[in-house]
Each structure stands twice: as C-alpha cells, then as structure tokens.
Amino acid sequence: MVMAFLLLTLGIGICFTRISTSFREYVLGDQELHTAPLTGTLLALIYGGGRLMVAVEQIHNFGLSWVFFILLTSFLPYWMISWLALRMTPFMRNLSMSESIGRVYGKYPRMIMSLSNICFSIATIAIQINVMSRSISMCIGSVHPSIVTTFVILILFVYARIGGIRIITFTDVAQTFVFFLIIPFLAFSIFEATGKPEICSFLATQENFQLDKLFECESKQLAIFTLFLASLVSSINPPIIQKIYMSADCFQAGMVFFFTSLLSLFVTFFIILLGLYTFVAAPNLSVTEVWGYIMAHISPICKGFVIMSLVAMAMSTADTYLNSCSVMFSNDIVNSVMETKSVPYDRQLRLAKATAFLIGIITTVLIFYCSDLFFLLKLRFDCFIPIATAPFILAVLGFRRGSHTALIGMATGVLTILAWNKWIEPATDMNGAFIAMIANGIAMMVAHYLGPKRKK
C-alpha cells in the first residue's frame, strides 16, 4: 500500500512535469496557479510529519498547555503573514526571502540570511526523515526501515530535481488530500479501539489539564510560552514566504494564507482529539511509548494509512525545504559572491540540483547523530529566528536602512541565542529564539537612531 502511494506520488510529479525555460520558472512556477493549489501546497508544507508526531507525544508531557499551544499556532501565524503579504508589493518580483533582504540591506545580510536558512532547512528535513523512519519501523516489521526510507528519499530527490517547484506543488496537493482523509479516520479509529473513553470527566481529574495551571509561572509553563512565541514567528521563513512570491499578486497571497489558517484549525482539531484519546486511554505512557501504543490498537489496514499519512506529510515538507536550500545557494549566495546577475540559467540549474544532493547527504548524516524530534524542533528555531526574522519584518514594514544596521542586529541575535543556550536554557528549559529576535530588532533600531548619521 505504501509503495503504491509512493509510486503514485512520483507518477503525479512526472505527469505535471514541464521543462522550465528560466530559473524564475524553476523556482516559482509560472505564477498562474489558482488559490486552491497554492493553499494545498502551503498546508502540506506546514503539516510535516514531525508536527503530527510531536503534537500527539507532547500532549502526554505538557497536557492542556500543549493543547492551547498547538491550537493557537495553527492559525495565528498565518493570519499574521496574510497581513504582511498585503504589504509586500515591492518584493513580489523577488525569487526568495534572502533576495528581499539583499534588496533592502545589501549582499552581506543576504548571504547570512541564506546560510541561516540552509541550517534551518537541514534541521527541518532531518525531522521529516526521522518521522519517515520511525513510522515505517513501527508499522512494518518484515522490511528494514532504512530500505523503505531510502526508497522514499530517492523518490523525493527524483521529482524535486526534475522540474522544480511546479512538480512539488502538484504532488503536495495530492499528499494534502491523503492527509485530510486519514487524520480524522485515525482519530476515530483510536477512539473506537480504546473503548470510547469519557474524555471530559477523566481530564478534569488530571493535574496537567487543570485550567488554572495555564496561568501559573512554573518552569514547564514558561517553557511552553517561549516555544509558543518562537512558533508564532518561525512561520516567517523562506519556504513559506516563497508561497507569497508564487502568487499572482499580494491580494491572492493574503487570501492563500487566510484560507490556510482556517483549514489548519480543522486539521489541528483532529490532531488534538487523537492526542487526548490516547492520553485518556493510557495516561501513564512515556513520550517515546505514545505512538507504539497507537499502532498497537489499530487495524493493519489503518496502520498502512497512517504510514501513508506520515510519509506524505514528511515528503511534502522535506521537498519544499530542499528546493528552498537549492535556490538560496545558487541564487543568493553565489550571485552575491560573484556580484553579477548574468549567471546562465543552465549553470544556475545545475548548481541548484547539486546543492540539493549535498544538502541531502548532510541531512542524512545529521539524523545518525540526533533522532530527538523535540530537540531538532528547538534547533531549527535557534538557527533562523534570532538572525533573519526581525530584519525581514522590519523591511516589510518599511524600515529601509543600510547594511551595517542589519549586520549589527544579526550579530546581536547570534550572541544572544548563544549566551541564552549556555547559561539560561540549561537552568530554565526555556527556548531563547524569540528573545534573541527581539534583541536583534532592538539593536537594529538603536544602531540606526543612535549611530552616526551619513552625510547627504
């Protein structure tokens, strides 16, 4: 069943293949896609396999706090981006978020932004590969997980390399459709398999699900709050902002993100139900035992559907981040170093595909050293938010200053997150990515208003 789905995904990608005639078309398609496929590919990007796995597991760990966390982060970030999208008219001809940064702040911030995104993307792709490996190992005992995972990665590389973002968009739509069908079915299946537990009455007796716990300043609650703040702004990243550049205009981009926020609420509702059903049925499970319990209480056919869903989500996220890395290296880093815009299309395309291959190797190596999804989630925040988020938001809002201003802000963000991770996070378990982003923004404002003024 899983192999058939993977082959179907590859077939869909090949059917929608169209030879790109320019690097712009390879990166953004023809910018004539309707709102529905753009919304579908954005949903597929947002709901990677790691998001489902981590959400269900951490409900066991954090309780009601995590329920509110995933509920609020399912729609608030995309409402915020839909508002930002309406202000991005000056950037609609750019190919990437880094190019927009370079247009405002110069080539060095553009290169730093690209390197930061590559690190962010490697951590994200590592999460997705881990999800594929774990889901396969939980459900298929007769086949070694590494074999099927390798097969999945090969398919991902094939259709990501053939025709760029256009193939990724249409395969993402198919994967989103599968996910939308399977997640409600999985929640209903675990509800039936665990004997239709009385959720409300049981949760009322659990300490982690008391409403007053949300407002206590305990270390666990503060850790959730800092992750919530980081998650709100982590969606302002290159692969997601790329969907704005793929739109015909700012208005369509705003509508895409608005519809995504509504549909995201629907998906999150069933993810929460799945986590709550599992907790009520087996409240004493450790985080690592949650998915093993779920798989043990559903039918073999349902297990196959679960694998399809997790693999579809993981692939749809990984391929887009892989494409984003390729574009940023070939378009932003190389162009900035060469200080030219006349790089031939065929050379850019070959460089992008070679970059994708190299990123795949680096990511594969990373997953051998770290398989903790929660740690990788925080790592991806730390690699990007402290460096790139504040300069981009300020640029969209009209803060147009020199390169030195952005460099001071980026350096401040890096120093802040390094200091936080060394001295504060080990003692409090609070993530410092959002705090470092604020420090970045404040440093940029101070550097501009208190620094020496240029003579006109």
Protein backbone atom coordinates (compact mmCIF):
# COMPACT_ATOMS: atom_id res chain seq x y z
CA MET A 1 0.00 0.00 0.00
CA VAL A 2 2.76 2.42 0.98
CA MET A 3 4.87 1.55 -2.07
CA ALA A 4 1.84 2.09 -4.31
CA PHE A 5 1.28 5.51 -2.77
CA LEU A 6 4.94 6.48 -3.27
CA LEU A 7 4.84 5.38 -6.90
CA LEU A 8 1.58 7.30 -7.38
CA THR A 9 3.27 10.40 -5.95
CA LEU A 10 6.14 10.01 -8.40
CA GLY A 11 3.66 9.48 -11.26
CA ILE A 12 1.76 12.66 -10.39
CA GLY A 13 5.01 14.59 -10.34
CA ILE A 14 6.08 13.28 -13.74
CA CYS A 15 2.65 13.96 -15.27
CA PHE A 16 2.84 17.62 -14.28
CA THR A 17 6.43 17.98 -15.40
CA ARG A 18 7.10 20.93 -17.63
CA ILE A 19 10.57 21.90 -18.70
CA SER A 20 11.46 25.23 -17.12
CA THR A 21 12.71 27.88 -19.53
CA SER A 22 14.14 30.18 -16.87
CA PHE A 23 15.44 29.95 -13.32
CA ARG A 24 12.49 32.06 -12.20
CA GLU A 25 10.04 29.49 -13.56
CA TYR A 26 12.02 26.68 -11.90
CA VAL A 27 11.79 28.48 -8.53
CA LEU A 28 8.28 29.99 -8.60
CA GLY A 29 6.45 28.20 -11.41
CA ASP A 30 4.54 30.37 -13.85
CA GLN A 31 2.80 32.41 -11.09
CA GLU A 32 -0.54 31.49 -12.65
CA LEU A 33 -1.64 28.90 -10.08
CA HIS A 34 -5.10 29.24 -8.60
CA THR A 35 -5.63 29.88 -4.90
CA ALA A 36 -6.68 26.25 -4.20
CA PRO A 37 -3.41 24.54 -5.25
CA LEU A 38 -1.37 27.24 -3.53
CA THR A 39 -3.36 26.67 -0.34
CA GLY A 40 -2.91 22.91 -0.68
CA THR A 41 0.86 23.11 -1.09
CA LEU A 42 1.12 25.54 1.84
CA LEU A 43 -0.85 23.18 4.09
CA ALA A 44 1.38 20.30 3.02
CA LEU A 45 4.43 22.38 3.89
CA ILE A 46 3.10 23.39 7.30
CA TYR A 47 1.96 19.95 8.42
CA GLY A 48 5.13 17.94 8.21
CA GLY A 49 5.20 14.53 9.80
CA GLY A 50 7.16 15.91 12.74
CA ARG A 51 4.34 18.28 13.61
CA LEU A 52 1.84 15.42 13.98
CA MET A 53 4.22 13.17 15.93
CA VAL A 54 5.48 15.86 18.30
CA ALA A 55 1.97 17.26 18.90
CA VAL A 56 0.49 13.91 19.94
CA GLU A 57 3.52 12.96 22.07
CA GLN A 58 3.80 16.26 23.93
CA ILE A 59 0.12 16.28 24.93
CA HIS A 60 1.16 13.42 27.20
CA ASN A 61 4.03 15.50 28.52
CA PHE A 62 2.56 19.00 28.91
CA GLY A 63 -1.21 18.43 28.97
CA LEU A 64 -3.61 21.35 28.48
CA SER A 65 -0.77 23.83 27.90
CA TRP A 66 0.29 21.93 24.79
CA VAL A 67 -3.29 21.71 23.56
CA PHE A 68 -3.58 25.50 23.64
CA PHE A 69 -0.10 25.80 22.15
CA ILE A 70 -0.86 23.78 19.01
CA LEU A 71 -4.34 25.29 18.70
CA LEU A 72 -3.13 28.90 18.72
CA THR A 73 -0.12 28.22 16.48
CA SER A 74 -2.38 26.51 13.94
CA PHE A 75 -3.88 29.81 12.75
CA LEU A 76 -2.29 32.89 14.36
CA PRO A 77 0.99 32.79 12.39
CA TYR A 78 -0.83 32.58 9.05
CA TRP A 79 -3.21 35.42 9.89
CA MET A 80 -0.11 37.46 10.68
CA ILE A 81 1.57 36.51 7.39
CA SER A 82 -1.62 37.24 5.42
CA TRP A 83 -1.42 40.79 6.81
CA LEU A 84 2.29 41.07 5.96
CA ALA A 85 1.64 39.74 2.45
CA LEU A 86 -0.56 42.73 1.65
CA ARG A 87 2.46 44.99 2.29
CA MET A 88 4.90 43.06 0.09
CA THR A 89 4.20 44.66 -3.29
CA PRO A 90 7.81 45.96 -3.64
CA PHE A 91 9.14 42.40 -3.20
CA MET A 92 6.80 40.43 -5.46
CA ARG A 93 9.38 40.11 -8.26
CA ASN A 94 11.98 38.57 -5.93
CA LEU A 95 12.83 34.87 -6.03
CA SER A 96 13.46 34.36 -2.32
CA MET A 97 13.29 35.86 1.13
CA SER A 98 17.07 36.37 1.02
CA GLU A 99 16.78 38.37 -2.19
CA SER A 100 14.28 40.67 -0.47
CA ILE A 101 16.71 41.09 2.44
CA GLY A 102 19.51 41.84 -0.04
CA ARG A 103 17.41 44.43 -1.81
CA VAL A 104 16.98 46.38 1.42
CA TYR A 105 20.16 45.69 3.41
CA GLY A 106 22.79 44.62 0.86
CA LYS A 107 24.70 41.49 -0.13
CA TYR A 108 26.26 40.50 3.21
CA PRO A 109 22.96 40.29 5.13
CA ARG A 110 21.59 38.44 2.10
CA MET A 111 24.34 35.82 2.34
CA ILE A 112 23.98 35.45 6.12
CA MET A 113 20.23 35.06 5.70
CA SER A 114 20.79 32.28 3.14
CA LEU A 115 23.26 30.39 5.34
CA SER A 116 20.87 30.66 8.27
CA ASN A 117 18.04 29.26 6.18
CA ILE A 118 20.18 26.35 4.98
CA CYS A 119 20.88 25.37 8.61
CA PHE A 120 17.17 25.82 9.43
CA SER A 121 16.18 23.67 6.45
CA ILE A 122 18.66 20.90 7.26
CA ALA A 123 17.16 20.57 10.75
CA THR A 124 13.64 20.55 9.27
CA ILE A 125 14.46 17.89 6.67
CA ALA A 126 16.16 15.81 9.39
CA ILE A 127 12.90 15.88 11.36
CA GLN A 128 10.96 14.63 8.35
CA ILE A 129 13.41 11.81 7.60
CA ASN A 130 13.27 10.76 11.26
CA VAL A 131 9.47 10.71 11.06
CA MET A 132 9.54 8.51 7.97
CA SER A 133 12.00 6.11 9.59
CA ARG A 134 10.06 5.92 12.86
CA SER A 135 6.67 5.47 11.24
CA ILE A 136 7.95 2.72 8.99
CA SER A 137 9.74 0.90 11.84
CA MET A 138 6.57 0.99 13.96
CA CYS A 139 4.37 -0.48 11.27
CA ILE A 140 6.45 -2.74 9.04
CA GLY A 141 8.37 -5.40 10.88
CA SER A 142 9.31 -7.58 7.91
CA VAL A 143 11.15 -4.85 5.98
CA HIS A 144 14.09 -2.96 7.44
CA PRO A 145 13.06 0.71 7.89
CA SER A 146 16.24 2.03 6.26
CA ILE A 147 15.34 0.30 2.98
CA VAL A 148 11.94 1.93 2.65
CA THR A 149 13.24 5.25 3.95
CA THR A 150 15.99 5.21 1.33
CA PHE A 151 13.35 4.50 -1.32
CA VAL A 152 11.31 7.47 -0.08
CA ILE A 153 14.33 9.78 -0.18
CA LEU A 154 15.18 8.67 -3.70
CA ILE A 155 11.65 9.44 -4.92
CA LEU A 156 11.80 12.81 -3.17
CA PHE A 157 15.06 13.66 -4.93
CA VAL A 158 13.79 12.48 -8.30
CA TYR A 159 10.70 14.66 -8.52
CA ALA A 160 12.30 17.59 -6.68
CA ARG A 161 15.11 17.63 -9.27
CA ILE A 162 13.04 17.10 -12.43
CA GLY A 163 11.01 20.26 -12.66
CA GLY A 164 11.37 22.45 -9.60
CA ILE A 165 8.54 23.98 -7.64
CA ARG A 166 5.77 23.16 -10.15
CA ILE A 167 6.12 19.39 -9.59
CA ILE A 168 6.41 19.92 -5.82
CA THR A 169 3.19 21.96 -5.82
CA PHE A 170 1.04 19.31 -7.52
CA THR A 171 2.50 16.39 -5.53
CA ASP A 172 1.89 18.40 -2.35
CA VAL A 173 -1.76 18.84 -3.28
CA ALA A 174 -2.14 15.06 -3.63
CA GLN A 175 -0.36 14.48 -0.32
CA THR A 176 -2.53 17.06 1.44
CA PHE A 177 -5.66 15.31 0.15
CA VAL A 178 -4.42 12.00 1.59
CA PHE A 179 -3.61 13.64 4.91
CA PHE A 180 -7.03 15.32 5.20
CA LEU A 181 -8.74 11.96 4.70
CA ILE A 182 -6.55 9.91 7.05
CA ILE A 183 -6.18 12.14 10.15
CA PRO A 184 -9.93 12.20 11.04
CA PHE A 185 -10.10 8.46 10.30
CA LEU A 186 -7.14 7.79 12.62
CA ALA A 187 -8.68 9.85 15.45
CA PHE A 188 -11.96 7.94 15.10
CA SER A 189 -10.14 4.58 14.98
CA ILE A 190 -8.21 5.15 18.21
CA PHE A 191 -11.43 6.38 19.83
CA GLU A 192 -13.18 3.13 18.92
CA ALA A 193 -10.20 0.92 19.77
CA THR A 194 -9.77 2.36 23.27
CA GLY A 195 -13.38 1.75 24.24
CA LYS A 196 -14.85 5.23 23.68
CA PRO A 197 -13.38 6.77 26.83
CA GLU A 198 -15.10 9.53 28.78
CA ILE A 199 -12.75 12.35 27.99
CA CYS A 200 -14.06 15.37 29.90
CA SER A 201 -14.70 13.62 33.21
CA PHE A 202 -11.28 11.95 33.16
CA LEU A 203 -9.32 15.06 32.15
CA ALA A 204 -10.96 17.01 34.97
CA THR A 205 -9.11 14.76 37.43
CA GLN A 206 -5.66 15.21 35.82
CA GLU A 207 -3.31 17.85 37.17
CA ASN A 208 -1.82 18.78 33.78
CA PHE A 209 -5.30 19.50 32.41
CA GLN A 210 -6.48 21.93 35.09
CA LEU A 211 -7.36 25.35 33.64
CA ASP A 212 -5.66 27.27 36.45
CA LYS A 213 -2.36 25.56 35.56
CA LEU A 214 -2.21 27.65 32.40
CA PHE A 215 -1.63 30.84 34.39
CA GLU A 216 0.97 29.56 36.83
CA CYS A 217 4.56 30.77 36.38
CA GLU A 218 6.09 27.33 36.68
CA SER A 219 9.13 26.32 34.64
CA LYS A 220 7.11 23.96 32.44
CA GLN A 221 4.53 26.66 31.65
CA LEU A 222 7.25 29.22 30.88
CA ALA A 223 8.97 26.70 28.60
CA ILE A 224 5.72 26.25 26.68
CA PHE A 225 5.20 30.02 26.47
CA THR A 226 8.65 30.67 24.98
CA LEU A 227 8.10 27.87 22.45
CA PHE A 228 4.74 29.42 21.61
CA LEU A 229 6.36 32.80 20.90
CA ALA A 230 9.04 31.16 18.76
CA SER A 231 6.44 29.18 16.83
CA LEU A 232 4.45 32.33 16.06
CA VAL A 233 7.37 33.86 14.18
CA SER A 234 9.02 30.65 12.91
CA SER A 235 6.46 30.53 10.09
CA ILE A 236 8.09 33.64 8.62
CA ASN A 237 10.70 31.50 6.90
CA PRO A 238 11.83 31.26 3.24
CA PRO A 239 9.82 28.20 2.08
CA ILE A 240 6.59 29.67 3.47
CA ILE A 241 7.28 33.20 2.25
CA GLN A 242 8.05 31.65 -1.15
CA LYS A 243 4.30 30.99 -1.47
CA ILE A 244 3.80 34.76 -1.50
CA TYR A 245 6.27 35.14 -4.37
CA MET A 246 4.49 32.30 -6.22
CA SER A 247 1.18 34.20 -6.06
CA ALA A 248 -0.04 36.42 -8.86
CA ASP A 249 -0.28 39.43 -6.54
CA CYS A 250 -0.35 40.43 -2.88
CA PHE A 251 -4.12 40.04 -2.62
CA GLN A 252 -4.03 36.41 -3.75
CA ALA A 253 -1.16 35.75 -1.35
CA GLY A 254 -3.20 37.19 1.52
CA MET A 255 -6.18 35.00 0.61
CA VAL A 256 -3.97 31.88 0.42
CA PHE A 257 -2.71 32.42 3.95
CA PHE A 258 -6.17 33.32 5.26
CA PHE A 259 -7.73 30.12 3.89
CA THR A 260 -4.75 28.15 5.18
CA SER A 261 -5.36 29.43 8.71
CA LEU A 262 -8.98 28.23 8.58
CA LEU A 263 -8.18 24.79 7.19
CA SER A 264 -5.31 24.46 9.64
CA LEU A 265 -7.80 24.77 12.51
CA PHE A 266 -9.74 21.81 11.08
CA VAL A 267 -6.62 19.62 10.91
CA THR A 268 -5.43 20.66 14.38
CA PHE A 269 -8.81 19.76 15.91
CA PHE A 270 -8.39 16.10 14.91
CA ILE A 271 -4.73 16.03 15.97
CA ILE A 272 -5.77 17.26 19.42
CA LEU A 273 -8.52 14.62 19.60
CA LEU A 274 -6.01 11.92 18.72
CA GLY A 275 -3.66 13.08 21.46
CA LEU A 276 -6.47 13.33 24.04
CA TYR A 277 -7.93 9.90 23.20
CA THR A 278 -4.51 8.34 23.62
CA PHE A 279 -3.87 10.12 26.91
CA VAL A 280 -7.21 9.13 28.39
CA ALA A 281 -6.74 5.50 27.35
CA ALA A 282 -3.17 5.26 28.69
CA PRO A 283 -2.20 8.29 30.82
CA ASN A 284 0.98 6.73 32.23
CA LEU A 285 2.80 6.27 28.93
CA SER A 286 6.17 7.92 28.42
CA VAL A 287 6.60 10.21 25.42
CA THR A 288 8.52 7.56 23.48
CA GLU A 289 5.76 4.97 24.00
CA VAL A 290 2.82 7.04 22.70
CA TRP A 291 2.99 6.11 19.02
CA GLY A 292 3.78 2.49 19.80
CA TYR A 293 0.55 2.36 21.81
CA ILE A 294 -1.45 3.94 18.98
CA MET A 295 -0.12 1.45 16.42
CA ALA A 296 -0.86 -1.49 18.73
CA HIS A 297 -4.54 -0.53 18.95
CA ILE A 298 -5.46 -0.01 15.30
CA SER A 299 -6.04 -2.47 12.49
CA PRO A 300 -3.33 -3.43 9.96
CA ILE A 301 -5.15 -1.55 7.20
CA CYS A 302 -5.29 1.55 9.38
CA LYS A 303 -1.57 1.17 10.06
CA GLY A 304 -0.94 1.31 6.33
CA PHE A 305 -2.99 4.50 6.08
CA VAL A 306 -1.06 6.01 8.99
CA ILE A 307 2.25 5.28 7.25
CA MET A 308 0.90 6.87 4.08
CA SER A 309 -0.15 9.96 6.01
CA LEU A 310 3.13 10.38 7.89
CA VAL A 311 5.23 9.73 4.79
CA ALA A 312 3.08 12.11 2.71
CA MET A 313 3.43 14.87 5.31
CA ALA A 314 7.15 14.32 5.72
CA MET A 315 7.83 14.28 1.97
CA SER A 316 5.70 17.35 1.26
CA THR A 317 7.65 19.37 3.83
CA ALA A 318 11.11 17.98 3.03
CA ASP A 319 10.89 18.55 -0.74
CA THR A 320 9.97 22.22 -0.35
CA TYR A 321 12.75 22.92 2.14
CA LEU A 322 15.16 21.09 -0.14
CA ASN A 323 14.09 23.28 -3.05
CA SER A 324 14.47 26.40 -0.87
CA CYS A 325 18.06 25.48 0.07
CA SER A 326 18.96 24.90 -3.57
CA VAL A 327 17.54 28.24 -4.65
CA MET A 328 19.18 30.23 -1.87
CA PHE A 329 22.63 28.79 -2.51
CA SER A 330 22.58 29.16 -6.30
CA ASN A 331 20.64 32.43 -6.49
CA ASP A 332 21.61 34.30 -3.33
CA ILE A 333 25.00 33.11 -2.09
CA VAL A 334 26.66 32.51 -5.48
CA ASN A 335 25.23 35.66 -7.05
CA SER A 336 26.30 37.73 -4.05
CA VAL A 337 29.85 36.36 -4.18
CA MET A 338 30.14 36.85 -7.95
CA GLU A 339 28.35 40.23 -7.74
CA THR A 340 26.57 39.55 -11.01
CA LYS A 341 23.09 38.74 -12.23
CA SER A 342 24.20 37.26 -15.54
CA VAL A 343 24.79 33.66 -14.43
CA PRO A 344 23.40 31.47 -17.24
CA TYR A 345 20.20 29.56 -16.47
CA ASP A 346 21.65 26.14 -17.19
CA ARG A 347 24.55 26.79 -14.81
CA GLN A 348 22.21 28.01 -12.07
CA LEU A 349 20.02 24.96 -12.55
CA ARG A 350 22.92 22.52 -12.34
CA LEU A 351 24.21 24.27 -9.24
CA ALA A 352 20.76 24.12 -7.59
CA LYS A 353 20.46 20.39 -8.24
CA ALA A 354 23.98 19.73 -6.98
CA THR A 355 23.18 21.72 -3.83
CA ALA A 356 20.07 19.62 -3.24
CA PHE A 357 22.17 16.47 -3.44
CA LEU A 358 24.75 17.85 -0.99
CA ILE A 359 22.06 19.00 1.47
CA GLY A 360 20.55 15.52 1.32
CA ILE A 361 23.88 13.96 2.29
CA ILE A 362 24.42 16.41 5.18
CA THR A 363 20.90 15.81 6.47
CA THR A 364 21.30 12.04 6.30
CA VAL A 365 24.48 12.32 8.37
CA LEU A 366 22.72 14.56 10.92
CA ILE A 367 19.96 12.05 11.64
CA PHE A 368 22.53 9.48 12.75
CA TYR A 369 23.66 11.87 15.47
CA CYS A 370 20.26 13.12 16.62
CA SER A 371 16.85 11.45 16.47
CA ASP A 372 15.12 13.54 19.17
CA LEU A 373 12.33 15.37 17.33
CA PHE A 374 11.78 17.86 20.15
CA PHE A 375 15.47 18.81 20.22
CA LEU A 376 15.52 19.22 16.42
CA LEU A 377 12.41 21.40 16.65
CA LYS A 378 14.20 23.80 19.03
CA LEU A 379 17.38 23.62 16.95
CA ARG A 380 15.56 24.84 13.84
CA PHE A 381 14.21 27.80 15.84
CA ASP A 382 17.69 28.73 17.09
CA CYS A 383 19.26 28.57 13.61
CA PHE A 384 16.94 31.07 11.97
CA ILE A 385 14.68 33.19 14.19
CA PRO A 386 17.44 35.11 16.05
CA ILE A 387 19.15 36.06 12.79
CA ALA A 388 16.68 36.64 9.98
CA THR A 389 13.14 37.22 11.26
CA ALA A 390 13.47 40.73 12.70
CA PRO A 391 15.28 42.25 9.66
CA PHE A 392 12.67 40.81 7.29
CA ILE A 393 9.67 42.03 9.30
CA LEU A 394 11.20 45.49 9.64
CA ALA A 395 11.93 45.59 5.89
CA VAL A 396 8.33 44.69 5.02
CA LEU A 397 7.05 47.34 7.44
CA GLY A 398 9.17 49.97 5.70
CA PHE A 399 12.39 50.10 7.76
CA ARG A 400 14.89 50.58 4.91
CA ARG A 401 18.39 51.19 6.26
CA GLY A 402 21.99 50.30 5.43
CA SER A 403 23.87 47.03 5.56
CA HIS A 404 25.65 47.88 8.82
CA THR A 405 22.31 48.18 10.63
CA ALA A 406 21.22 44.66 9.64
CA LEU A 407 24.66 43.21 10.41
CA ILE A 408 24.63 44.70 13.92
CA GLY A 409 21.17 43.25 14.51
CA MET A 410 22.11 39.81 13.19
CA ALA A 411 25.29 39.72 15.31
CA THR A 412 23.27 40.71 18.38
CA GLY A 413 20.78 37.92 17.69
CA VAL A 414 23.55 35.32 17.35
CA LEU A 415 25.32 36.42 20.54
CA THR A 416 22.02 36.48 22.44
CA ILE A 417 20.98 32.95 21.47
CA LEU A 418 24.47 31.57 22.18
CA ALA A 419 24.52 33.17 25.64
CA TRP A 420 20.96 32.03 26.32
CA ASN A 421 21.69 28.43 25.36
CA LYS A 422 24.83 28.38 27.51
CA TRP A 423 23.57 29.94 30.74
CA ILE A 424 19.76 30.30 30.79
CA GLU A 425 18.16 27.41 28.92
CA PRO A 426 20.00 24.66 30.87
CA ALA A 427 18.58 26.09 34.13
CA THR A 428 15.07 27.01 32.94
CA ASP A 429 14.39 24.82 29.85
CA MET A 430 13.08 27.99 28.15
CA ASN A 431 13.83 28.48 24.47
CA GLY A 432 15.51 31.82 23.72
CA ALA A 433 14.88 32.18 19.97
CA PHE A 434 12.11 34.78 20.33
CA ILE A 435 14.10 36.77 22.92
CA ALA A 436 17.09 36.79 20.57
CA MET A 437 14.86 38.01 17.73
CA ILE A 438 13.66 40.92 19.89
CA ALA A 439 17.27 41.73 20.77
CA ASN A 440 18.07 41.70 17.04
CA GLY A 441 15.27 44.17 16.27
CA ILE A 442 16.16 46.50 19.16
CA ALA A 443 19.82 46.50 18.13
CA MET A 444 18.87 47.48 14.58
CA MET A 445 16.74 50.37 15.81
CA VAL A 446 19.42 51.57 18.23
CA ALA A 447 22.12 51.32 15.56
CA HIS A 448 20.04 53.46 13.24
CA TYR A 449 18.80 56.15 15.58
CA LEU A 450 21.85 56.46 17.86
CA GLY A 451 24.59 55.66 15.37
CA PRO A 452 26.46 58.25 13.28
CA LYS A 453 24.37 59.76 10.52
CA ARG A 454 25.51 59.68 6.93
CA LYS A 455 26.07 62.99 5.22
CA LYS A 456 23.62 63.66 2.45
